[in-house]
Amino acid sequence: MSTGHGSHFGIGTGKALAISAWLTGIYFVIELGIGIYTNSIAVISDAFHTFSAVGGVVLAIIAGRIAKRSADIDRTFGWYRAEIIGALLNGAFLLAMAILVIVMGAMRMRAPIELSTTPMLLAAAGGLVTEFISMYLLYRQQAGDLNIRGAFWHIIQTFVGSLLIIVSALVIRFTGFLLIDPLLGTAFGFILLWASWSIMRDALYILMEGRPRDIDLEAVIGQLGGLEGVADLHHVHAWTLTSGRHVFSAHIRLESGSENRANGADVLKAAHNILRREFGFFFSTLQIEDRCLDESTMGEIDITGLGPTGAHRGSGSQVDQDQGHAGAHDPSISPHNRSLPRD
């Protein structure tokens, strides 16, 4: 996955967002002027949809700039999560716009009105130009950057809105079928609902520190557990700081014997190289152990299946617990040989 901090088409993410904001903002003023001059409700409505896109892009710019701040004593991982919070807010903004479009469409279907098609066509044609440029600038970045995706979908909203205005204007001009405008608008409102939920769902997943979706955690555990001298892994954690920047931590227990303990530095180096080169982790923290430390309060966040001092979570008998205690020191039942739960 792209980090979302690079550049595409020769234009960096920040510049692409800035250009999109300026283009969309300037056209909002032009379109609103056309709507007021012609007294066209349809054009004025689309102008405010354009304004929502401006807000979405500006929000993405602000979040991106905050995310560039360096780590400090209070925020030791830096401000990367600002991008994810920005994406969540953008998704909520898009959700509100989707509900507004659907409500407006339902009201218009009850009482269709005559529309002046010429200003509708002029406003939509001009909008298509600015919106196409903005989509061109943001398309590649949005695939790997949740913050940019929120802004991109606001541009998509206005782009499709312009297309719908053109289709509606032509159908009304040649057929007089007034319901086409609210019908198409309501249908697109439901598409916006899906897009907003998709963005909000992914943002919440990251904020809840879910496993990076493009990382096979079982494969990671398998490769680290297969290193020479490693008995087992436990307290494995993988999460995302921001789009494309994943973090990993784990405890690695070495096999018994002084020669294996002496090779702890080699195991650490090999594990780090695997995490960085083969799985692309941005940052990793590994703890090398010769025995499982007393972590009696941590069993509920150990996905490898070992609870406090090695006991299996949910084991109901003393025999199971005894086997679990033995498992903390028995490489034959190391946790990386067990299947992890899938989300």
C-alpha atoms as a PDB file:
ATOM      1  CA  MET A   1       0.000   0.000   0.000  1.00  0.00           C
ATOM      2  CA  SER A   2       1.203   3.459  -0.736  1.00  0.00           C
ATOM      3  CA  THR A   3       2.178   5.545   2.188  1.00  0.00           C
ATOM      4  CA  GLY A   4       0.076   8.363   0.964  1.00  0.00           C
ATOM      5  CA  HIS A   5       2.971  10.787   1.426  1.00  0.00           C
ATOM      6  CA  GLY A   6       4.572  10.450  -1.970  1.00  0.00           C
ATOM      7  CA  SER A   7       3.755  12.144  -5.232  1.00  0.00           C
ATOM      8  CA  HIS A   8       2.026  11.051  -8.399  1.00  0.00           C
ATOM      9  CA  PHE A   9       1.810  12.598 -11.865  1.00  0.00           C
ATOM     10  CA  GLY A  10       4.728  14.803 -10.753  1.00  0.00           C
ATOM     11  CA  ILE A  11       2.504  16.638  -8.245  1.00  0.00           C
ATOM     12  CA  GLY A  12       2.751  16.012  -4.493  1.00  0.00           C
ATOM     13  CA  THR A  13      -0.280  15.183  -2.425  1.00  0.00           C
ATOM     14  CA  GLY A  14      -0.344  18.591  -0.729  1.00  0.00           C
ATOM     15  CA  LYS A  15      -0.155  20.459  -4.039  1.00  0.00           C
ATOM     16  CA  ALA A  16      -2.817  18.251  -5.605  1.00  0.00           C
ATOM     17  CA  LEU A  17      -5.176  18.992  -2.723  1.00  0.00           C
ATOM     18  CA  ALA A  18      -4.405  22.712  -2.856  1.00  0.00           C
ATOM     19  CA  ILE A  19      -5.041  22.909  -6.618  1.00  0.00           C
ATOM     20  CA  SER A  20      -8.292  20.977  -6.207  1.00  0.00           C
ATOM     21  CA  ALA A  21      -9.419  23.283  -3.407  1.00  0.00           C
ATOM     22  CA  TRP A  22      -8.717  26.419  -5.439  1.00  0.00           C
ATOM     23  CA  LEU A  23     -10.374  25.103  -8.608  1.00  0.00           C
ATOM     24  CA  THR A  24     -13.456  23.888  -6.779  1.00  0.00           C
ATOM     25  CA  GLY A  25     -13.683  27.022  -4.634  1.00  0.00           C
ATOM     26  CA  ILE A  26     -13.454  29.400  -7.593  1.00  0.00           C
ATOM     27  CA  TYR A  27     -16.074  27.473  -9.481  1.00  0.00           C
ATOM     28  CA  PHE A  28     -18.386  27.477  -6.462  1.00  0.00           C
ATOM     29  CA  VAL A  29     -18.426  31.298  -6.601  1.00  0.00           C
ATOM     30  CA  ILE A  30     -19.079  31.248 -10.380  1.00  0.00           C
ATOM     31  CA  GLU A  31     -21.832  28.639 -10.148  1.00  0.00           C
ATOM     32  CA  LEU A  32     -23.529  30.385  -7.232  1.00  0.00           C
ATOM     33  CA  GLY A  33     -23.506  33.605  -9.253  1.00  0.00           C
ATOM     34  CA  ILE A  34     -25.147  31.832 -12.209  1.00  0.00           C
ATOM     35  CA  GLY A  35     -27.779  30.338  -9.930  1.00  0.00           C
ATOM     36  CA  ILE A  36     -28.636  33.673  -8.295  1.00  0.00           C
ATOM     37  CA  TYR A  37     -28.709  35.492 -11.657  1.00  0.00           C
ATOM     38  CA  THR A  38     -31.033  32.952 -13.273  1.00  0.00           C
ATOM     39  CA  ASN A  39     -33.011  32.176 -10.095  1.00  0.00           C
ATOM     40  CA  SER A  40     -32.423  28.461 -10.768  1.00  0.00           C
ATOM     41  CA  ILE A  41     -32.879  26.342  -7.647  1.00  0.00           C
ATOM     42  CA  ALA A  42     -31.162  23.393  -9.326  1.00  0.00           C
ATOM     43  CA  VAL A  43     -28.003  25.375 -10.053  1.00  0.00           C
ATOM     44  CA  ILE A  44     -27.941  26.960  -6.591  1.00  0.00           C
ATOM     45  CA  SER A  45     -28.369  23.500  -5.050  1.00  0.00           C
ATOM     46  CA  ASP A  46     -25.459  22.127  -7.064  1.00  0.00           C
ATOM     47  CA  ALA A  47     -23.378  25.163  -6.079  1.00  0.00           C
ATOM     48  CA  PHE A  48     -23.778  24.221  -2.430  1.00  0.00           C
ATOM     49  CA  HIS A  49     -22.829  20.634  -3.281  1.00  0.00           C
ATOM     50  CA  THR A  50     -19.685  22.111  -4.809  1.00  0.00           C
ATOM     51  CA  PHE A  51     -19.124  24.067  -1.607  1.00  0.00           C
ATOM     52  CA  SER A  52     -19.304  20.805   0.373  1.00  0.00           C
ATOM     53  CA  ALA A  53     -16.505  19.459  -1.826  1.00  0.00           C
ATOM     54  CA  VAL A  54     -14.418  22.530  -1.031  1.00  0.00           C
ATOM     55  CA  GLY A  55     -14.947  21.838   2.664  1.00  0.00           C
ATOM     56  CA  GLY A  56     -13.951  18.193   2.226  1.00  0.00           C
ATOM     57  CA  VAL A  57     -10.723  19.061   0.422  1.00  0.00           C
ATOM     58  CA  VAL A  58      -9.812  21.817   2.903  1.00  0.00           C
ATOM     59  CA  LEU A  59     -10.416  19.394   5.781  1.00  0.00           C
ATOM     60  CA  ALA A  60      -8.057  16.885   4.138  1.00  0.00           C
ATOM     61  CA  ILE A  61      -5.399  19.610   3.712  1.00  0.00           C
ATOM     62  CA  ILE A  62      -5.631  20.647   7.378  1.00  0.00           C
ATOM     63  CA  ALA A  63      -5.462  17.039   8.588  1.00  0.00           C
ATOM     64  CA  GLY A  64      -2.470  16.325   6.324  1.00  0.00           C
ATOM     65  CA  ARG A  65      -0.556  19.328   7.634  1.00  0.00           C
ATOM     66  CA  ILE A  66      -1.251  18.462  11.261  1.00  0.00           C
ATOM     67  CA  ALA A  67      -0.061  14.895  10.593  1.00  0.00           C
ATOM     68  CA  LYS A  68       3.370  16.214   9.538  1.00  0.00           C
ATOM     69  CA  ARG A  69       4.127  17.538  13.011  1.00  0.00           C
ATOM     70  CA  SER A  70       6.957  15.818  14.848  1.00  0.00           C
ATOM     71  CA  ALA A  71       6.498  13.544  17.840  1.00  0.00           C
ATOM     72  CA  ASP A  72       6.721  15.120  21.282  1.00  0.00           C
ATOM     73  CA  ILE A  73       6.639  14.044  24.928  1.00  0.00           C
ATOM     74  CA  ASP A  74       2.827  13.905  24.898  1.00  0.00           C
ATOM     75  CA  ARG A  75       2.353  12.312  21.458  1.00  0.00           C
ATOM     76  CA  THR A  76       5.191   9.837  21.169  1.00  0.00           C
ATOM     77  CA  PHE A  77       3.941   8.458  17.835  1.00  0.00           C
ATOM     78  CA  GLY A  78       3.546  11.931  16.401  1.00  0.00           C
ATOM     79  CA  TRP A  79       0.382  13.333  14.819  1.00  0.00           C
ATOM     80  CA  TYR A  80      -0.175  10.736  12.079  1.00  0.00           C
ATOM     81  CA  ARG A  81      -3.645   9.877  13.365  1.00  0.00           C
ATOM     82  CA  ALA A  82      -4.811  13.395  12.424  1.00  0.00           C
ATOM     83  CA  GLU A  83      -5.172  12.092   8.867  1.00  0.00           C
ATOM     84  CA  ILE A  84      -7.437   9.290  10.044  1.00  0.00           C
ATOM     85  CA  ILE A  85      -9.521  11.646  12.166  1.00  0.00           C
ATOM     86  CA  GLY A  86      -9.783  13.925   9.128  1.00  0.00           C
ATOM     87  CA  ALA A  87     -10.977  10.983   7.049  1.00  0.00           C
ATOM     88  CA  LEU A  88     -13.580  10.120   9.696  1.00  0.00           C
ATOM     89  CA  LEU A  89     -14.871  13.701   9.748  1.00  0.00           C
ATOM     90  CA  ASN A  90     -14.911  13.778   5.953  1.00  0.00           C
ATOM     91  CA  GLY A  91     -16.904  10.544   5.910  1.00  0.00           C
ATOM     92  CA  ALA A  92     -19.399  12.007   8.381  1.00  0.00           C
ATOM     93  CA  PHE A  93     -19.619  15.178   6.269  1.00  0.00           C
ATOM     94  CA  LEU A  94     -20.271  13.064   3.189  1.00  0.00           C
ATOM     95  CA  LEU A  95     -22.914  11.075   5.092  1.00  0.00           C
ATOM     96  CA  ALA A  96     -24.745  14.294   5.998  1.00  0.00           C
ATOM     97  CA  MET A  97     -24.650  15.411   2.353  1.00  0.00           C
ATOM     98  CA  ALA A  98     -25.982  12.027   1.215  1.00  0.00           C
ATOM     99  CA  ILE A  99     -28.923  12.245   3.622  1.00  0.00           C
ATOM    100  CA  LEU A 100     -29.595  15.832   2.482  1.00  0.00           C
ATOM    101  CA  VAL A 101     -29.586  14.794  -1.195  1.00  0.00           C
ATOM    102  CA  ILE A 102     -31.992  11.911  -0.513  1.00  0.00           C
ATOM    103  CA  VAL A 103     -34.376  14.115   1.506  1.00  0.00           C
ATOM    104  CA  MET A 104     -34.315  16.863  -1.132  1.00  0.00           C
ATOM    105  CA  GLY A 105     -34.964  14.300  -3.863  1.00  0.00           C
ATOM    106  CA  ALA A 106     -37.939  12.850  -1.976  1.00  0.00           C
ATOM    107  CA  MET A 107     -39.419  16.316  -1.461  1.00  0.00           C
ATOM    108  CA  ARG A 108     -38.931  17.239  -5.114  1.00  0.00           C
ATOM    109  CA  MET A 109     -40.573  14.006  -6.292  1.00  0.00           C
ATOM    110  CA  ARG A 110     -43.711  14.991  -4.411  1.00  0.00           C
ATOM    111  CA  ALA A 111     -43.835  18.366  -6.137  1.00  0.00           C
ATOM    112  CA  PRO A 112     -41.780  18.557  -9.364  1.00  0.00           C
ATOM    113  CA  ILE A 113     -40.965  22.068 -10.577  1.00  0.00           C
ATOM    114  CA  GLU A 114     -40.140  23.561 -13.955  1.00  0.00           C
ATOM    115  CA  LEU A 115     -36.408  24.056 -14.453  1.00  0.00           C
ATOM    116  CA  SER A 116     -34.541  26.408 -16.772  1.00  0.00           C
ATOM    117  CA  THR A 117     -32.316  24.017 -18.687  1.00  0.00           C
ATOM    118  CA  THR A 118     -29.887  26.470 -20.322  1.00  0.00           C
ATOM    119  CA  PRO A 119     -28.219  27.733 -17.117  1.00  0.00           C
ATOM    120  CA  MET A 120     -28.247  24.166 -15.816  1.00  0.00           C
ATOM    121  CA  LEU A 121     -26.228  23.028 -18.830  1.00  0.00           C
ATOM    122  CA  LEU A 122     -23.799  25.954 -18.615  1.00  0.00           C
ATOM    123  CA  ALA A 123     -23.153  25.477 -14.910  1.00  0.00           C
ATOM    124  CA  ALA A 124     -22.728  21.719 -15.223  1.00  0.00           C
ATOM    125  CA  ALA A 125     -20.382  21.949 -18.220  1.00  0.00           C
ATOM    126  CA  GLY A 126     -18.067  24.347 -16.380  1.00  0.00           C
ATOM    127  CA  GLY A 127     -18.177  22.160 -13.287  1.00  0.00           C
ATOM    128  CA  LEU A 128     -17.167  19.064 -15.222  1.00  0.00           C
ATOM    129  CA  VAL A 129     -13.919  20.730 -16.300  1.00  0.00           C
ATOM    130  CA  THR A 130     -12.751  21.705 -12.795  1.00  0.00           C
ATOM    131  CA  GLU A 131     -13.954  18.456 -11.236  1.00  0.00           C
ATOM    132  CA  PHE A 132     -12.238  16.299 -13.849  1.00  0.00           C
ATOM    133  CA  ILE A 133      -8.921  18.063 -13.205  1.00  0.00           C
ATOM    134  CA  SER A 134      -9.304  17.580  -9.449  1.00  0.00           C
ATOM    135  CA  MET A 135     -10.144  13.881  -9.829  1.00  0.00           C
ATOM    136  CA  TYR A 136      -7.161  13.424 -12.134  1.00  0.00           C
ATOM    137  CA  LEU A 137      -4.857  14.938  -9.496  1.00  0.00           C
ATOM    138  CA  LEU A 138      -6.240  12.918  -6.578  1.00  0.00           C
ATOM    139  CA  TYR A 139      -7.098   9.555  -8.137  1.00  0.00           C
ATOM    140  CA  ARG A 140      -3.779   7.761  -7.548  1.00  0.00           C
ATOM    141  CA  GLN A 141      -3.247   9.136  -4.029  1.00  0.00           C
ATOM    142  CA  GLN A 142      -6.691   8.168  -2.765  1.00  0.00           C
ATOM    143  CA  ALA A 143      -6.068   4.458  -3.365  1.00  0.00           C
ATOM    144  CA  GLY A 144      -3.589   4.284  -0.472  1.00  0.00           C
ATOM    145  CA  ASP A 145      -4.537   7.283   1.663  1.00  0.00           C
ATOM    146  CA  LEU A 146      -7.781   7.294   3.624  1.00  0.00           C
ATOM    147  CA  ASN A 147      -7.602  11.044   4.211  1.00  0.00           C
ATOM    148  CA  ILE A 148      -7.300  11.751   0.476  1.00  0.00           C
ATOM    149  CA  ARG A 149     -10.084   9.260  -0.266  1.00  0.00           C
ATOM    150  CA  GLY A 150     -12.534  11.356   1.743  1.00  0.00           C
ATOM    151  CA  ALA A 151     -11.645  14.468  -0.262  1.00  0.00           C
ATOM    152  CA  PHE A 152     -11.722  12.493  -3.516  1.00  0.00           C
ATOM    153  CA  TRP A 153     -15.255  11.290  -2.867  1.00  0.00           C
ATOM    154  CA  HIS A 154     -16.411  14.852  -2.287  1.00  0.00           C
ATOM    155  CA  ILE A 155     -15.058  15.699  -5.743  1.00  0.00           C
ATOM    156  CA  ILE A 156     -16.746  12.584  -7.154  1.00  0.00           C
ATOM    157  CA  GLN A 157     -19.995  13.804  -5.611  1.00  0.00           C
ATOM    158  CA  THR A 158     -19.843  17.128  -7.421  1.00  0.00           C
ATOM    159  CA  PHE A 159     -18.636  15.519 -10.672  1.00  0.00           C
ATOM    160  CA  VAL A 160     -21.535  13.074 -10.774  1.00  0.00           C
ATOM    161  CA  GLY A 161     -23.839  15.905  -9.700  1.00  0.00           C
ATOM    162  CA  SER A 162     -22.764  17.856 -12.798  1.00  0.00           C
ATOM    163  CA  LEU A 163     -23.394  14.809 -15.005  1.00  0.00           C
ATOM    164  CA  LEU A 164     -26.835  14.354 -13.465  1.00  0.00           C
ATOM    165  CA  ILE A 165     -27.666  18.007 -14.116  1.00  0.00           C
ATOM    166  CA  ILE A 166     -26.738  17.583 -17.788  1.00  0.00           C
ATOM    167  CA  VAL A 167     -28.785  14.406 -18.151  1.00  0.00           C
ATOM    168  CA  SER A 168     -31.719  15.933 -16.289  1.00  0.00           C
ATOM    169  CA  ALA A 169     -31.599  19.143 -18.336  1.00  0.00           C
ATOM    170  CA  LEU A 170     -31.535  17.253 -21.637  1.00  0.00           C
ATOM    171  CA  VAL A 171     -34.361  14.884 -20.634  1.00  0.00           C
ATOM    172  CA  ILE A 172     -36.489  17.780 -19.402  1.00  0.00           C
ATOM    173  CA  ARG A 173     -35.779  19.852 -22.516  1.00  0.00           C
ATOM    174  CA  PHE A 174     -36.683  17.088 -24.975  1.00  0.00           C
ATOM    175  CA  THR A 175     -39.328  15.117 -23.048  1.00  0.00           C
ATOM    176  CA  GLY A 176     -40.646  17.388 -20.314  1.00  0.00           C
ATOM    177  CA  PHE A 177     -40.215  14.569 -17.759  1.00  0.00           C
ATOM    178  CA  LEU A 178     -39.607  16.628 -14.573  1.00  0.00           C
ATOM    179  CA  LEU A 179     -39.179  13.648 -12.241  1.00  0.00           C
ATOM    180  CA  ILE A 180     -35.866  12.706 -13.841  1.00  0.00           C
ATOM    181  CA  ASP A 181     -33.992  15.268 -11.725  1.00  0.00           C
ATOM    182  CA  PRO A 182     -35.081  14.032  -8.246  1.00  0.00           C
ATOM    183  CA  LEU A 183     -34.947  10.374  -9.347  1.00  0.00           C
ATOM    184  CA  LEU A 184     -31.324  10.567 -10.462  1.00  0.00           C
ATOM    185  CA  GLY A 185     -30.351  12.713  -7.502  1.00  0.00           C
ATOM    186  CA  THR A 186     -31.905  10.321  -4.973  1.00  0.00           C
ATOM    187  CA  ALA A 187     -30.209   7.319  -6.602  1.00  0.00           C
ATOM    188  CA  PHE A 188     -26.835   9.028  -6.325  1.00  0.00           C
ATOM    189  CA  GLY A 189     -27.590   9.905  -2.707  1.00  0.00           C
ATOM    190  CA  PHE A 190     -27.634   6.192  -1.886  1.00  0.00           C
ATOM    191  CA  ILE A 191     -24.259   5.771  -3.610  1.00  0.00           C
ATOM    192  CA  LEU A 192     -22.922   8.544  -1.391  1.00  0.00           C
ATOM    193  CA  LEU A 193     -24.279   6.695   1.652  1.00  0.00           C
ATOM    194  CA  TRP A 194     -22.223   3.647   0.696  1.00  0.00           C
ATOM    195  CA  ALA A 195     -19.096   5.733   0.061  1.00  0.00           C
ATOM    196  CA  SER A 196     -19.389   7.615   3.355  1.00  0.00           C
ATOM    197  CA  TRP A 197     -19.873   4.415   5.340  1.00  0.00           C
ATOM    198  CA  SER A 198     -16.873   2.803   3.620  1.00  0.00           C
ATOM    199  CA  ILE A 199     -14.627   5.723   4.602  1.00  0.00           C
ATOM    200  CA  MET A 200     -15.952   5.913   8.169  1.00  0.00           C
ATOM    201  CA  ARG A 201     -15.698   2.141   8.633  1.00  0.00           C
ATOM    202  CA  ASP A 202     -12.041   2.078   7.546  1.00  0.00           C
ATOM    203  CA  ALA A 203     -11.198   5.102   9.696  1.00  0.00           C
ATOM    204  CA  LEU A 204     -12.824   3.557  12.767  1.00  0.00           C
ATOM    205  CA  TYR A 205     -11.016   0.266  12.107  1.00  0.00           C
ATOM    206  CA  ILE A 206      -7.675   2.073  12.196  1.00  0.00           C
ATOM    207  CA  LEU A 207      -8.611   4.130  15.265  1.00  0.00           C
ATOM    208  CA  MET A 208      -9.539   0.871  17.026  1.00  0.00           C
ATOM    209  CA  GLU A 209      -6.016  -0.368  16.150  1.00  0.00           C
ATOM    210  CA  GLY A 210      -7.199  -3.172  13.907  1.00  0.00           C
ATOM    211  CA  ARG A 211      -4.722  -5.419  12.103  1.00  0.00           C
ATOM    212  CA  PRO A 212      -3.492  -3.846   8.837  1.00  0.00           C
ATOM    213  CA  ARG A 213      -5.740  -5.418   6.210  1.00  0.00           C
ATOM    214  CA  ASP A 214      -2.917  -5.880   3.714  1.00  0.00           C
ATOM    215  CA  ILE A 215      -0.724  -7.763   6.218  1.00  0.00           C
ATOM    216  CA  ASP A 216      -0.999 -11.551   6.680  1.00  0.00           C
ATOM    217  CA  LEU A 217      -0.300 -11.726  10.394  1.00  0.00           C
ATOM    218  CA  GLU A 218      -0.156 -15.528  10.423  1.00  0.00           C
ATOM    219  CA  ALA A 219       2.596 -15.363   7.799  1.00  0.00           C
ATOM    220  CA  VAL A 220       4.492 -12.827   9.915  1.00  0.00           C
ATOM    221  CA  ILE A 221       4.271 -15.037  13.002  1.00  0.00           C
ATOM    222  CA  GLY A 222       5.249 -18.079  10.973  1.00  0.00           C
ATOM    223  CA  GLN A 223       8.399 -16.474   9.578  1.00  0.00           C
ATOM    224  CA  LEU A 224       9.518 -14.980  12.885  1.00  0.00           C
ATOM    225  CA  GLY A 225       8.754 -18.208  14.740  1.00  0.00           C
ATOM    226  CA  GLY A 226      10.788 -20.169  12.191  1.00  0.00           C
ATOM    227  CA  LEU A 227      13.993 -18.281  12.902  1.00  0.00           C
ATOM    228  CA  GLU A 228      16.788 -20.396  14.344  1.00  0.00           C
ATOM    229  CA  GLY A 229      16.795 -20.351  18.126  1.00  0.00           C
ATOM    230  CA  VAL A 230      13.212 -19.082  18.521  1.00  0.00           C
ATOM    231  CA  ALA A 231      10.899 -21.151  20.728  1.00  0.00           C
ATOM    232  CA  ASP A 232       7.716 -19.110  20.356  1.00  0.00           C
ATOM    233  CA  LEU A 233       6.141 -15.691  19.924  1.00  0.00           C
ATOM    234  CA  HIS A 234       3.540 -14.118  22.163  1.00  0.00           C
ATOM    235  CA  HIS A 235       1.945 -10.717  22.695  1.00  0.00           C
ATOM    236  CA  VAL A 236       1.938 -10.088  18.948  1.00  0.00           C
ATOM    237  CA  HIS A 237       0.391  -6.757  17.966  1.00  0.00           C
ATOM    238  CA  ALA A 238       0.086  -5.072  14.578  1.00  0.00           C
ATOM    239  CA  TRP A 239      -1.723  -1.807  13.901  1.00  0.00           C
ATOM    240  CA  THR A 240      -1.762   1.226  11.627  1.00  0.00           C
ATOM    241  CA  LEU A 241      -0.665   4.759  12.521  1.00  0.00           C
ATOM    242  CA  THR A 242      -1.974   6.248   9.283  1.00  0.00           C
ATOM    243  CA  SER A 243      -2.546   4.991   5.753  1.00  0.00           C
ATOM    244  CA  GLY A 244       0.410   2.834   4.689  1.00  0.00           C
ATOM    245  CA  ARG A 245       2.359   3.167   7.957  1.00  0.00           C
ATOM    246  CA  HIS A 246       2.063  -0.015   9.997  1.00  0.00           C
ATOM    247  CA  VAL A 247       3.582  -0.847  13.393  1.00  0.00           C
ATOM    248  CA  PHE A 248       4.437  -4.237  14.898  1.00  0.00           C
ATOM    249  CA  SER A 249       5.402  -5.430  18.369  1.00  0.00           C
ATOM    250  CA  ALA A 250       5.948  -8.874  19.880  1.00  0.00           C
ATOM    251  CA  HIS A 251       7.745 -10.857  22.560  1.00  0.00           C
ATOM    252  CA  ILE A 252      10.119 -13.514  21.206  1.00  0.00           C
ATOM    253  CA  ARG A 253      11.100 -16.359  23.553  1.00  0.00           C
ATOM    254  CA  LEU A 254      14.371 -18.063  22.733  1.00  0.00           C
ATOM    255  CA  GLU A 255      14.969 -21.785  23.089  1.00  0.00           C
ATOM    256  CA  SER A 256      16.711 -22.894  26.255  1.00  0.00           C
ATOM    257  CA  GLY A 257      20.490 -23.031  26.261  1.00  0.00           C
ATOM    258  CA  SER A 258      23.198 -20.431  26.733  1.00  0.00           C
ATOM    259  CA  GLU A 259      24.155 -20.524  23.038  1.00  0.00           C
ATOM    260  CA  ASN A 260      20.629 -19.475  21.999  1.00  0.00           C
ATOM    261  CA  ARG A 261      20.495 -16.674  24.558  1.00  0.00           C
ATOM    262  CA  ALA A 262      23.820 -15.420  23.250  1.00  0.00           C
ATOM    263  CA  ASN A 263      22.332 -15.254  19.749  1.00  0.00           C
ATOM    264  CA  GLY A 264      19.504 -12.950  20.853  1.00  0.00           C
ATOM    265  CA  ALA A 265      21.000  -9.994  18.987  1.00  0.00           C
ATOM    266  CA  ASP A 266      21.165 -12.027  15.768  1.00  0.00           C
ATOM    267  CA  VAL A 267      17.524 -13.093  16.164  1.00  0.00           C
ATOM    268  CA  LEU A 268      16.518  -9.491  16.756  1.00  0.00           C
ATOM    269  CA  LYS A 269      18.329  -8.297  13.637  1.00  0.00           C
ATOM    270  CA  ALA A 270      16.893 -11.073  11.455  1.00  0.00           C
ATOM    271  CA  ALA A 271      13.360 -10.439  12.756  1.00  0.00           C
ATOM    272  CA  HIS A 272      13.668  -6.722  12.130  1.00  0.00           C
ATOM    273  CA  ASN A 273      14.805  -7.315   8.532  1.00  0.00           C
ATOM    274  CA  ILE A 274      11.843  -9.635   7.895  1.00  0.00           C
ATOM    275  CA  LEU A 275       9.374  -7.114   9.262  1.00  0.00           C
ATOM    276  CA  ARG A 276      10.807  -4.203   7.292  1.00  0.00           C
ATOM    277  CA  ARG A 277      11.790  -5.807   3.973  1.00  0.00           C
ATOM    278  CA  GLU A 278       9.211  -8.552   3.508  1.00  0.00           C
ATOM    279  CA  PHE A 279       6.155  -7.072   5.223  1.00  0.00           C
ATOM    280  CA  GLY A 280       6.853  -3.354   4.982  1.00  0.00           C
ATOM    281  CA  PHE A 281       6.338  -2.415   8.624  1.00  0.00           C
ATOM    282  CA  PHE A 282       7.148   1.233   9.271  1.00  0.00           C
ATOM    283  CA  PHE A 283       8.259   0.606  12.863  1.00  0.00           C
ATOM    284  CA  SER A 284       8.699  -2.469  15.076  1.00  0.00           C
ATOM    285  CA  THR A 285       9.409  -3.183  18.729  1.00  0.00           C
ATOM    286  CA  LEU A 286      10.606  -6.666  19.679  1.00  0.00           C
ATOM    287  CA  GLN A 287      11.312  -8.011  23.151  1.00  0.00           C
ATOM    288  CA  ILE A 288      13.726 -10.946  23.375  1.00  0.00           C
ATOM    289  CA  GLU A 289      13.141 -13.289  26.326  1.00  0.00           C
ATOM    290  CA  ASP A 290      14.608 -16.554  27.638  1.00  0.00           C
ATOM    291  CA  ARG A 291      11.391 -17.227  29.563  1.00  0.00           C
ATOM    292  CA  CYS A 292       7.838 -15.847  29.587  1.00  0.00           C
ATOM    293  CA  LEU A 293       7.734 -12.983  32.021  1.00  0.00           C
ATOM    294  CA  ASP A 294       4.930 -12.617  34.560  1.00  0.00           C
ATOM    295  CA  GLU A 295       2.205 -10.912  32.512  1.00  0.00           C
ATOM    296  CA  SER A 296      -0.819 -12.012  34.497  1.00  0.00           C
ATOM    297  CA  THR A 297      -2.914  -8.999  33.485  1.00  0.00           C
ATOM    298  CA  MET A 298      -2.137  -9.178  29.770  1.00  0.00           C
ATOM    299  CA  GLY A 299      -3.742 -12.441  28.689  1.00  0.00           C
ATOM    300  CA  GLU A 300      -6.784 -10.766  27.168  1.00  0.00           C
ATOM    301  CA  ILE A 301      -4.686  -8.988  24.554  1.00  0.00           C
ATOM    302  CA  ASP A 302      -2.537 -11.973  23.537  1.00  0.00           C
ATOM    303  CA  ILE A 303      -3.859 -13.186  20.164  1.00  0.00           C
ATOM    304  CA  THR A 304      -1.434 -16.112  20.026  1.00  0.00           C
ATOM    305  CA  GLY A 305      -3.657 -18.086  22.388  1.00  0.00           C
ATOM    306  CA  LEU A 306      -1.573 -17.912  25.554  1.00  0.00           C
ATOM    307  CA  GLY A 307      -3.039 -16.215  28.573  1.00  0.00           C
ATOM    308  CA  PRO A 308      -1.369 -15.374  31.881  1.00  0.00           C
ATOM    309  CA  THR A 309       1.859 -17.352  32.337  1.00  0.00           C
ATOM    310  CA  GLY A 310       0.996 -19.470  29.330  1.00  0.00           C
ATOM    311  CA  ALA A 311      -2.519 -20.698  30.251  1.00  0.00           C
ATOM    312  CA  HIS A 312      -4.976 -20.955  27.388  1.00  0.00           C
ATOM    313  CA  ARG A 313      -7.739 -18.386  27.597  1.00  0.00           C
ATOM    314  CA  GLY A 314     -11.063 -19.979  28.235  1.00  0.00           C
ATOM    315  CA  SER A 315      -9.619 -23.281  29.495  1.00  0.00           C
ATOM    316  CA  GLY A 316     -11.998 -24.752  31.997  1.00  0.00           C
ATOM    317  CA  SER A 317     -10.107 -27.552  33.744  1.00  0.00           C
ATOM    318  CA  GLN A 318      -7.042 -27.740  35.899  1.00  0.00           C
ATOM    319  CA  VAL A 319      -5.530 -30.144  33.360  1.00  0.00           C
ATOM    320  CA  ASP A 320      -5.905 -27.523  30.624  1.00  0.00           C
ATOM    321  CA  GLN A 321      -4.312 -24.910  32.850  1.00  0.00           C
ATOM    322  CA  ASP A 322      -1.421 -27.216  33.720  1.00  0.00           C
ATOM    323  CA  GLN A 323      -0.872 -27.874  30.011  1.00  0.00           C
ATOM    324  CA  GLY A 324      -0.982 -24.141  29.398  1.00  0.00           C
ATOM    325  CA  HIS A 325       1.690 -23.495  32.028  1.00  0.00           C
ATOM    326  CA  ALA A 326       3.844 -26.121  30.386  1.00  0.00           C
ATOM    327  CA  GLY A 327       3.241 -24.474  27.042  1.00  0.00           C
ATOM    328  CA  ALA A 328       5.049 -21.379  28.211  1.00  0.00           C
ATOM    329  CA  HIS A 329       8.246 -23.426  28.175  1.00  0.00           C
ATOM    330  CA  ASP A 330       7.512 -26.124  25.594  1.00  0.00           C
ATOM    331  CA  PRO A 331       8.497 -25.248  22.007  1.00  0.00           C
ATOM    332  CA  SER A 332       6.334 -28.096  20.670  1.00  0.00           C
ATOM    333  CA  ILE A 333       3.181 -26.134  21.428  1.00  0.00           C
ATOM    334  CA  SER A 334       4.477 -22.698  20.572  1.00  0.00           C
ATOM    335  CA  PRO A 335       1.697 -20.219  19.818  1.00  0.00           C
ATOM    336  CA  HIS A 336       2.758 -19.520  16.260  1.00  0.00           C
ATOM    337  CA  ASN A 337       1.629 -23.074  15.399  1.00  0.00           C
ATOM    338  CA  ARG A 338      -1.958 -22.149  16.217  1.00  0.00           C
ATOM    339  CA  SER A 339      -4.400 -20.449  13.870  1.00  0.00           C
ATOM    340  CA  LEU A 340      -5.234 -16.847  14.611  1.00  0.00           C
ATOM    341  CA  PRO A 341      -8.785 -15.523  14.590  1.00  0.00           C
ATOM    342  CA  ARG A 342      -9.820 -13.841  11.376  1.00  0.00           C
ATOM    343  CA  ASP A 343     -11.738 -10.586  11.262  1.00  0.00           C
END
